[in-house]
C-alpha atoms as a PDB file:
ATOM      1  CA  MET A   1      -1.052 -12.033  18.883  1.00  0.00           C
ATOM      2  CA  SER A   2       2.075 -12.415  16.434  1.00  0.00           C
ATOM      3  CA  LEU A   3       1.088 -13.171  12.473  1.00  0.00           C
ATOM      4  CA  THR A   4       2.813 -16.034  10.806  1.00  0.00           C
ATOM      5  CA  ILE A   5       4.926 -15.648   7.486  1.00  0.00           C
ATOM      6  CA  SER A   6       2.106 -16.680   5.312  1.00  0.00           C
ATOM      7  CA  GLU A   7      -0.373 -14.365   6.992  1.00  0.00           C
ATOM      8  CA  LEU A   8       2.171 -11.532   6.461  1.00  0.00           C
ATOM      9  CA  GLU A   9       3.005 -12.314   2.896  1.00  0.00           C
ATOM     10  CA  ALA A  10      -1.151 -12.531   2.154  1.00  0.00           C
ATOM     11  CA  GLU A  11      -1.605  -8.957   3.804  1.00  0.00           C
ATOM     12  CA  ARG A  12       1.499  -7.828   1.882  1.00  0.00           C
ATOM     13  CA  ALA A  13      -0.066  -9.017  -1.388  1.00  0.00           C
ATOM     14  CA  LYS A  14      -3.502  -7.734  -0.283  1.00  0.00           C
ATOM     15  CA  ILE A  15      -2.315  -4.117   0.161  1.00  0.00           C
ATOM     16  CA  LEU A  16      -0.284  -4.234  -3.058  1.00  0.00           C
ATOM     17  CA  ASP A  17      -3.040  -5.277  -5.201  1.00  0.00           C
ATOM     18  CA  GLU A  18      -4.783  -2.396  -3.495  1.00  0.00           C
ATOM     19  CA  ILE A  19      -2.228   0.076  -4.234  1.00  0.00           C
ATOM     20  CA  GLU A  20      -1.936  -1.237  -8.194  1.00  0.00           C
ATOM     21  CA  SER A  21      -5.759  -1.103  -8.690  1.00  0.00           C
ATOM     22  CA  LYS A  22      -5.676   2.416  -7.140  1.00  0.00           C
ATOM     23  CA  ALA A  23      -2.750   3.867  -9.168  1.00  0.00           C
ATOM     24  CA  HIS A  24      -4.124   2.788 -12.352  1.00  0.00           C
ATOM     25  CA  LYS A  25      -7.572   4.647 -11.080  1.00  0.00           C
ATOM     26  CA  ILE A  26      -5.492   7.571 -10.550  1.00  0.00           C
ATOM     27  CA  SER A  27      -3.577   7.550 -13.685  1.00  0.00           C
ATOM     28  CA  ASP A  28      -6.913   7.159 -15.945  1.00  0.00           C
ATOM     29  CA  ASP A  29      -8.771  10.102 -13.891  1.00  0.00           C
ATOM     30  CA  THR A  30      -5.393  12.333 -14.667  1.00  0.00           C
ATOM     31  CA  ASN A  31      -3.700  10.934 -17.674  1.00  0.00           C
ATOM     32  CA  ASN A  32      -6.055   9.582 -20.429  1.00  0.00           C
ATOM     33  CA  SER A  33      -2.915   9.246 -22.866  1.00  0.00           C
ATOM     34  CA  ALA A  34      -0.435   7.056 -20.207  1.00  0.00           C
ATOM     35  CA  GLU A  35      -0.382   3.557 -20.833  1.00  0.00           C
ATOM     36  CA  GLN A  36       0.844   3.171 -17.365  1.00  0.00           C
ATOM     37  CA  PRO A  37       0.629   5.093 -13.917  1.00  0.00           C
ATOM     38  CA  SER A  38       3.184   7.661 -13.142  1.00  0.00           C
ATOM     39  CA  LEU A  39       5.434   7.411  -9.967  1.00  0.00           C
ATOM     40  CA  LYS A  40       3.300  10.255  -8.740  1.00  0.00           C
ATOM     41  CA  ASP A  41       0.343   7.983  -9.223  1.00  0.00           C
ATOM     42  CA  TRP A  42       1.854   4.895  -7.267  1.00  0.00           C
ATOM     43  CA  LEU A  43       2.971   7.135  -4.272  1.00  0.00           C
ATOM     44  CA  ASN A  44      -0.653   8.746  -4.094  1.00  0.00           C
ATOM     45  CA  ALA A  45      -2.169   5.586  -4.344  1.00  0.00           C
ATOM     46  CA  ALA A  46       0.447   4.225  -1.574  1.00  0.00           C
ATOM     47  CA  GLU A  47      -0.541   7.083   0.583  1.00  0.00           C
ATOM     48  CA  GLU A  48      -4.278   6.356   0.340  1.00  0.00           C
ATOM     49  CA  VAL A  49      -4.264   2.717   1.183  1.00  0.00           C
ATOM     50  CA  MET A  50      -1.374   3.277   3.842  1.00  0.00           C
ATOM     51  CA  PRO A  51      -1.581   6.773   5.072  1.00  0.00           C
ATOM     52  CA  ALA A  52       1.638   7.654   6.867  1.00  0.00           C
ATOM     53  CA  SER A  53       0.168   7.734  10.357  1.00  0.00           C
ATOM     54  CA  LYS A  54      -1.290   4.378   9.789  1.00  0.00           C
ATOM     55  CA  LEU A  55       2.076   2.694   8.796  1.00  0.00           C
ATOM     56  CA  ASP A  56       3.728   4.536  11.809  1.00  0.00           C
ATOM     57  CA  LYS A  57       1.384   2.728  13.799  1.00  0.00           C
ATOM     58  CA  ASN A  58       1.797  -0.644  12.535  1.00  0.00           C
ATOM     59  CA  MET A  59       5.334  -0.160  12.369  1.00  0.00           C
ATOM     60  CA  LYS A  60       5.200   0.521  16.011  1.00  0.00           C
ATOM     61  CA  LYS A  61       2.991  -2.320  17.052  1.00  0.00           C
ATOM     62  CA  ASN A  62       5.191  -4.731  15.221  1.00  0.00           C
ATOM     63  CA  VAL A  63       8.222  -3.520  16.936  1.00  0.00           C
ATOM     64  CA  ASN A  64       6.579  -3.921  20.135  1.00  0.00           C
ATOM     65  CA  THR A  65       5.605  -7.453  19.608  1.00  0.00           C
ATOM     66  CA  LYS A  66       9.071  -8.496  18.809  1.00  0.00           C
ATOM     67  CA  SER A  67      10.329  -7.626  22.078  1.00  0.00           C
END
């Protein structure tokens, strides 16, 4: 089953919102003086939301459904 563009966009927005939320939480937990999360905070949050193994699996699945 393939997803429509609007479904993919909704999923992307949900993932980005979750990453942003986690990045701010990580930043608040580690650097109380920082106004914005650091790049490291964003990368750690992204890894929590979309672990590399899950990302690889999703990419392979998408490639296989396009064939």
